[in-house]
Amino acid sequence: MPDRDLDSRAHGGRTALRKKKVSQARTGGARNVAVLSVDPNDMDGHALERIFGESGCNARMDARCALTACPSVAAAFSQLRQEQFAIVLCNDDLTGGTWRDVWEHISLLPDPPLFIVTSRLADERLWVEALNLGAYDVLVQPFDAGEVLRVLSLAWAHWQARHGLHRGRTLQRMASAGHVAAPN
């Protein structure tokens, strides 16, 4: 399927929100990793789309990356109300808010995505602040395909482990209440 604009309002020549779709045939029917990118720079979104498409997010993670790009904090908040994401990539240079605002918002979600700060000037101060607040990692821009895929594959594994643990505990509680058979 081709790219599909979810919101066609333009902001200075940029699409407010776009979702990259990858065909099932190309990915072999693998699971989707829902990734939200909060970044006002279209070039960063295009770089991520290229990395996900060319480098084989599917091969590295046994899943395909479904990228949704938002140019602003407000657009990200709106999208986070509509869809669940496993990973949020957030630029440290935003208009209408900061990466900390996005972090605070997702930290209040019942099942928060893993949060990765992206920055052209990823200095020690940013690393310390982001990691101390609970971010999963910091990625330096311009993006290095190998590093992006390494960080996202580790984040995806962490997300899956967290959900496997949650699912197992839920099944155990349901089994103890007699609602389902006990899990193996």
C-alpha atoms as a PDB file:
ATOM      1  CA  MET A   1       0.000   0.000   0.000  1.00  0.00           C
ATOM      2  CA  PRO A   2       1.221   3.526  -0.612  1.00  0.00           C
ATOM      3  CA  ASP A   3       1.689   6.145   2.094  1.00  0.00           C
ATOM      4  CA  ARG A   4      -1.631   7.390   3.405  1.00  0.00           C
ATOM      5  CA  ASP A   5      -2.186  10.856   4.828  1.00  0.00           C
ATOM      6  CA  LEU A   6      -4.275  10.620   7.978  1.00  0.00           C
ATOM      7  CA  ASP A   7      -4.667  14.377   8.291  1.00  0.00           C
ATOM      8  CA  SER A   8      -4.186  16.462   5.197  1.00  0.00           C
ATOM      9  CA  ARG A   9      -3.863  19.843   6.915  1.00  0.00           C
ATOM     10  CA  ALA A  10      -0.519  21.326   5.977  1.00  0.00           C
ATOM     11  CA  HIS A  11       1.792  23.123   8.391  1.00  0.00           C
ATOM     12  CA  GLY A  12       4.283  25.183   6.455  1.00  0.00           C
ATOM     13  CA  GLY A  13       4.251  22.718   3.566  1.00  0.00           C
ATOM     14  CA  ARG A  14       4.380  19.633   5.806  1.00  0.00           C
ATOM     15  CA  THR A  15       1.633  17.111   6.292  1.00  0.00           C
ATOM     16  CA  ALA A  16       0.309  17.282   9.840  1.00  0.00           C
ATOM     17  CA  LEU A  17       0.312  13.547  10.292  1.00  0.00           C
ATOM     18  CA  ARG A  18       1.276  10.704   8.024  1.00  0.00           C
ATOM     19  CA  LYS A  19       1.382   6.985   8.441  1.00  0.00           C
ATOM     20  CA  LYS A  20       3.801   4.775   6.547  1.00  0.00           C
ATOM     21  CA  LYS A  21       2.248   1.520   5.414  1.00  0.00           C
ATOM     22  CA  VAL A  22       4.342  -1.435   4.294  1.00  0.00           C
ATOM     23  CA  SER A  23       2.759  -4.260   2.324  1.00  0.00           C
ATOM     24  CA  GLN A  24       2.126  -7.600   4.026  1.00  0.00           C
ATOM     25  CA  ALA A  25       3.848  -9.379   1.126  1.00  0.00           C
ATOM     26  CA  ARG A  26       7.068  -7.484   1.748  1.00  0.00           C
ATOM     27  CA  THR A  27       7.085  -8.245   5.470  1.00  0.00           C
ATOM     28  CA  GLY A  28       5.865 -11.825   5.377  1.00  0.00           C
ATOM     29  CA  GLY A  29       2.883 -11.065   7.629  1.00  0.00           C
ATOM     30  CA  ALA A  30       5.024 -10.152  10.663  1.00  0.00           C
ATOM     31  CA  ARG A  31       3.604  -8.237  13.616  1.00  0.00           C
ATOM     32  CA  ASN A  32       3.481  -4.456  13.584  1.00  0.00           C
ATOM     33  CA  VAL A  33       5.627  -2.385  15.892  1.00  0.00           C
ATOM     34  CA  ALA A  34       3.700   0.876  16.223  1.00  0.00           C
ATOM     35  CA  VAL A  35       6.257   3.695  16.352  1.00  0.00           C
ATOM     36  CA  LEU A  36       5.315   7.342  16.864  1.00  0.00           C
ATOM     37  CA  SER A  37       7.839   9.966  15.776  1.00  0.00           C
ATOM     38  CA  VAL A  38       7.364  13.458  17.221  1.00  0.00           C
ATOM     39  CA  ASP A  39       9.576  15.693  15.119  1.00  0.00           C
ATOM     40  CA  PRO A  40       8.946  18.944  13.240  1.00  0.00           C
ATOM     41  CA  ASN A  41      11.610  18.084  10.656  1.00  0.00           C
ATOM     42  CA  ASP A  42      10.204  16.112   7.704  1.00  0.00           C
ATOM     43  CA  MET A  43      13.704  14.959   6.762  1.00  0.00           C
ATOM     44  CA  ASP A  44      13.994  12.974  10.003  1.00  0.00           C
ATOM     45  CA  GLY A  45      10.707  11.203   9.271  1.00  0.00           C
ATOM     46  CA  HIS A  46      11.880  10.391   5.752  1.00  0.00           C
ATOM     47  CA  ALA A  47      15.166   9.053   7.148  1.00  0.00           C
ATOM     48  CA  LEU A  48      13.269   6.749   9.523  1.00  0.00           C
ATOM     49  CA  GLU A  49      11.001   5.551   6.707  1.00  0.00           C
ATOM     50  CA  ARG A  50      14.073   4.784   4.604  1.00  0.00           C
ATOM     51  CA  ILE A  51      15.745   2.921   7.487  1.00  0.00           C
ATOM     52  CA  PHE A  52      12.609   0.890   8.209  1.00  0.00           C
ATOM     53  CA  GLY A  53      12.092   0.121   4.534  1.00  0.00           C
ATOM     54  CA  GLU A  54      15.651  -0.564   3.359  1.00  0.00           C
ATOM     55  CA  SER A  55      17.277  -2.060   6.433  1.00  0.00           C
ATOM     56  CA  GLY A  56      14.577  -4.555   7.174  1.00  0.00           C
ATOM     57  CA  CYS A  57      13.051  -3.715  10.514  1.00  0.00           C
ATOM     58  CA  ASN A  58      11.269  -7.001   9.854  1.00  0.00           C
ATOM     59  CA  ALA A  59      14.461  -9.079   9.675  1.00  0.00           C
ATOM     60  CA  ARG A  60      16.039  -7.522  12.760  1.00  0.00           C
ATOM     61  CA  MET A  61      12.950  -7.538  14.981  1.00  0.00           C
ATOM     62  CA  ASP A  62      10.713 -10.266  13.506  1.00  0.00           C
ATOM     63  CA  ALA A  63       8.215  -7.446  13.076  1.00  0.00           C
ATOM     64  CA  ARG A  64       7.585  -4.527  10.792  1.00  0.00           C
ATOM     65  CA  CYS A  65       7.747  -0.933  11.934  1.00  0.00           C
ATOM     66  CA  ALA A  66       4.601   1.080  11.276  1.00  0.00           C
ATOM     67  CA  LEU A  67       5.694   4.696  11.570  1.00  0.00           C
ATOM     68  CA  THR A  68       3.317   7.528  12.403  1.00  0.00           C
ATOM     69  CA  ALA A  69       4.943  10.967  12.200  1.00  0.00           C
ATOM     70  CA  CYS A  70       3.647  14.017  14.086  1.00  0.00           C
ATOM     71  CA  PRO A  71       5.237  17.462  13.648  1.00  0.00           C
ATOM     72  CA  SER A  72       4.092  18.883  16.996  1.00  0.00           C
ATOM     73  CA  VAL A  73       3.369  18.072  20.613  1.00  0.00           C
ATOM     74  CA  ALA A  74      -0.365  18.757  20.094  1.00  0.00           C
ATOM     75  CA  ALA A  75      -0.523  16.354  17.126  1.00  0.00           C
ATOM     76  CA  ALA A  76       1.316  13.719  19.176  1.00  0.00           C
ATOM     77  CA  PHE A  77      -1.122  14.068  22.096  1.00  0.00           C
ATOM     78  CA  SER A  78      -4.027  13.668  19.683  1.00  0.00           C
ATOM     79  CA  GLN A  79      -2.491  10.572  18.092  1.00  0.00           C
ATOM     80  CA  LEU A  80      -1.674   9.018  21.477  1.00  0.00           C
ATOM     81  CA  ARG A  81      -5.376   9.281  22.385  1.00  0.00           C
ATOM     82  CA  GLN A  82      -6.315   7.369  19.224  1.00  0.00           C
ATOM     83  CA  GLU A  83      -3.738   4.601  18.977  1.00  0.00           C
ATOM     84  CA  GLN A  84      -1.473   2.524  21.188  1.00  0.00           C
ATOM     85  CA  PHE A  85       2.228   2.736  20.397  1.00  0.00           C
ATOM     86  CA  ALA A  86       5.043   0.478  21.544  1.00  0.00           C
ATOM     87  CA  ILE A  87       7.735   3.114  20.980  1.00  0.00           C
ATOM     88  CA  VAL A  88       7.774   6.906  20.857  1.00  0.00           C
ATOM     89  CA  LEU A  89      10.713   8.720  19.259  1.00  0.00           C
ATOM     90  CA  CYS A  90      10.689  12.367  20.322  1.00  0.00           C
ATOM     91  CA  ASN A  91      12.953  15.153  19.074  1.00  0.00           C
ATOM     92  CA  ASP A  92      14.440  17.353  21.771  1.00  0.00           C
ATOM     93  CA  ASP A  93      13.771  20.498  19.702  1.00  0.00           C
ATOM     94  CA  LEU A  94       9.991  20.910  19.410  1.00  0.00           C
ATOM     95  CA  THR A  95       7.629  23.829  18.977  1.00  0.00           C
ATOM     96  CA  GLY A  96       4.555  24.146  21.165  1.00  0.00           C
ATOM     97  CA  GLY A  97       6.113  22.097  23.946  1.00  0.00           C
ATOM     98  CA  THR A  98       9.134  20.029  24.895  1.00  0.00           C
ATOM     99  CA  TRP A  99      10.133  16.386  24.877  1.00  0.00           C
ATOM    100  CA  ARG A 100       9.508  16.495  28.657  1.00  0.00           C
ATOM    101  CA  ASP A 101       5.862  17.414  27.983  1.00  0.00           C
ATOM    102  CA  VAL A 102       5.503  14.374  25.731  1.00  0.00           C
ATOM    103  CA  TRP A 103       7.247  12.197  28.346  1.00  0.00           C
ATOM    104  CA  GLU A 104       4.904  13.427  31.105  1.00  0.00           C
ATOM    105  CA  HIS A 105       1.870  12.743  28.914  1.00  0.00           C
ATOM    106  CA  ILE A 106       2.841   9.185  27.999  1.00  0.00           C
ATOM    107  CA  SER A 107       3.952   8.362  31.542  1.00  0.00           C
ATOM    108  CA  LEU A 108       0.319   8.868  32.612  1.00  0.00           C
ATOM    109  CA  LEU A 109      -1.028   6.385  30.063  1.00  0.00           C
ATOM    110  CA  PRO A 110      -2.207   3.027  31.435  1.00  0.00           C
ATOM    111  CA  ASP A 111       0.246   1.194  29.173  1.00  0.00           C
ATOM    112  CA  PRO A 112       2.941   3.737  28.282  1.00  0.00           C
ATOM    113  CA  PRO A 113       5.142   3.222  25.236  1.00  0.00           C
ATOM    114  CA  LEU A 114       8.907   3.139  25.541  1.00  0.00           C
ATOM    115  CA  PHE A 115      10.240   6.664  25.100  1.00  0.00           C
ATOM    116  CA  ILE A 116      13.380   7.503  23.112  1.00  0.00           C
ATOM    117  CA  VAL A 117      14.676  11.067  22.812  1.00  0.00           C
ATOM    118  CA  THR A 118      16.298  12.043  19.506  1.00  0.00           C
ATOM    119  CA  SER A 119      18.727  14.952  19.236  1.00  0.00           C
ATOM    120  CA  ARG A 120      21.281  16.575  16.968  1.00  0.00           C
ATOM    121  CA  LEU A 121      23.120  17.818  20.050  1.00  0.00           C
ATOM    122  CA  ALA A 122      22.909  14.765  22.307  1.00  0.00           C
ATOM    123  CA  ASP A 123      25.265  15.950  25.012  1.00  0.00           C
ATOM    124  CA  GLU A 124      25.883  14.337  28.388  1.00  0.00           C
ATOM    125  CA  ARG A 125      23.329  16.616  30.096  1.00  0.00           C
ATOM    126  CA  LEU A 126      20.539  15.411  27.798  1.00  0.00           C
ATOM    127  CA  TRP A 127      21.489  11.751  28.252  1.00  0.00           C
ATOM    128  CA  VAL A 128      21.521  12.080  32.033  1.00  0.00           C
ATOM    129  CA  GLU A 129      18.253  14.017  32.172  1.00  0.00           C
ATOM    130  CA  ALA A 130      16.381  11.753  29.751  1.00  0.00           C
ATOM    131  CA  LEU A 131      17.519   8.494  31.335  1.00  0.00           C
ATOM    132  CA  ASN A 132      16.934   9.770  34.885  1.00  0.00           C
ATOM    133  CA  LEU A 133      13.365  10.738  33.964  1.00  0.00           C
ATOM    134  CA  GLY A 134      12.764   7.247  32.612  1.00  0.00           C
ATOM    135  CA  ALA A 135      13.417   7.454  28.883  1.00  0.00           C
ATOM    136  CA  TYR A 136      14.505   4.165  27.339  1.00  0.00           C
ATOM    137  CA  ASP A 137      17.379   5.691  25.342  1.00  0.00           C
ATOM    138  CA  VAL A 138      18.684   8.672  23.369  1.00  0.00           C
ATOM    139  CA  LEU A 139      19.369   8.488  19.619  1.00  0.00           C
ATOM    140  CA  VAL A 140      21.745  10.907  17.907  1.00  0.00           C
ATOM    141  CA  GLN A 141      20.698  12.597  14.658  1.00  0.00           C
ATOM    142  CA  PRO A 142      21.356  12.332  11.806  1.00  0.00           C
ATOM    143  CA  PHE A 143      20.246   8.764  12.267  1.00  0.00           C
ATOM    144  CA  ASP A 144      22.638   5.865  11.778  1.00  0.00           C
ATOM    145  CA  ALA A 145      20.582   2.964  10.406  1.00  0.00           C
ATOM    146  CA  GLY A 146      22.432   0.321  12.425  1.00  0.00           C
ATOM    147  CA  GLU A 147      22.040   2.244  15.681  1.00  0.00           C
ATOM    148  CA  VAL A 148      18.355   2.992  15.075  1.00  0.00           C
ATOM    149  CA  LEU A 149      17.617  -0.664  14.370  1.00  0.00           C
ATOM    150  CA  ARG A 150      19.704  -1.817  17.353  1.00  0.00           C
ATOM    151  CA  VAL A 151      17.916   0.518  19.783  1.00  0.00           C
ATOM    152  CA  LEU A 152      14.463  -0.199  18.355  1.00  0.00           C
ATOM    153  CA  SER A 153      15.007  -3.967  18.383  1.00  0.00           C
ATOM    154  CA  LEU A 154      16.051  -3.825  22.051  1.00  0.00           C
ATOM    155  CA  ALA A 155      13.103  -1.563  22.878  1.00  0.00           C
ATOM    156  CA  TRP A 156      10.739  -3.943  21.034  1.00  0.00           C
ATOM    157  CA  ALA A 157      12.126  -6.930  22.953  1.00  0.00           C
ATOM    158  CA  HIS A 158      11.618  -4.998  26.211  1.00  0.00           C
ATOM    159  CA  TRP A 159       8.049  -4.110  25.183  1.00  0.00           C
ATOM    160  CA  GLN A 160       7.263  -7.734  24.330  1.00  0.00           C
ATOM    161  CA  ALA A 161       8.735  -8.990  27.617  1.00  0.00           C
ATOM    162  CA  ARG A 162       6.719  -6.431  29.578  1.00  0.00           C
ATOM    163  CA  HIS A 163       3.533  -7.472  27.789  1.00  0.00           C
ATOM    164  CA  GLY A 164       4.279 -11.178  28.128  1.00  0.00           C
ATOM    165  CA  LEU A 165       4.697 -10.736  31.880  1.00  0.00           C
ATOM    166  CA  HIS A 166       1.492  -8.700  32.081  1.00  0.00           C
ATOM    167  CA  ARG A 167      -0.438 -11.244  29.999  1.00  0.00           C
ATOM    168  CA  GLY A 168       0.879 -14.142  32.099  1.00  0.00           C
ATOM    169  CA  ARG A 169      -0.150 -12.461  35.351  1.00  0.00           C
ATOM    170  CA  THR A 170      -3.585 -11.626  33.961  1.00  0.00           C
ATOM    171  CA  LEU A 171      -4.117 -15.257  32.890  1.00  0.00           C
ATOM    172  CA  GLN A 172      -2.990 -16.471  36.326  1.00  0.00           C
ATOM    173  CA  ARG A 173      -5.460 -14.128  38.064  1.00  0.00           C
ATOM    174  CA  MET A 174      -8.244 -15.235  35.728  1.00  0.00           C
ATOM    175  CA  ALA A 175      -7.384 -18.916  36.306  1.00  0.00           C
ATOM    176  CA  SER A 176      -7.368 -18.481  40.085  1.00  0.00           C
ATOM    177  CA  ALA A 177     -10.838 -16.915  39.786  1.00  0.00           C
ATOM    178  CA  GLY A 178     -11.970 -19.893  37.676  1.00  0.00           C
ATOM    179  CA  HIS A 179     -12.525 -17.885  34.475  1.00  0.00           C
ATOM    180  CA  VAL A 180      -9.937 -19.671  32.289  1.00  0.00           C
ATOM    181  CA  ALA A 181      -7.747 -22.777  32.419  1.00  0.00           C
ATOM    182  CA  ALA A 182      -4.444 -22.292  34.232  1.00  0.00           C
ATOM    183  CA  PRO A 183      -1.587 -21.226  31.928  1.00  0.00           C
ATOM    184  CA  ASN A 184       1.276 -23.629  31.257  1.00  0.00           C
END
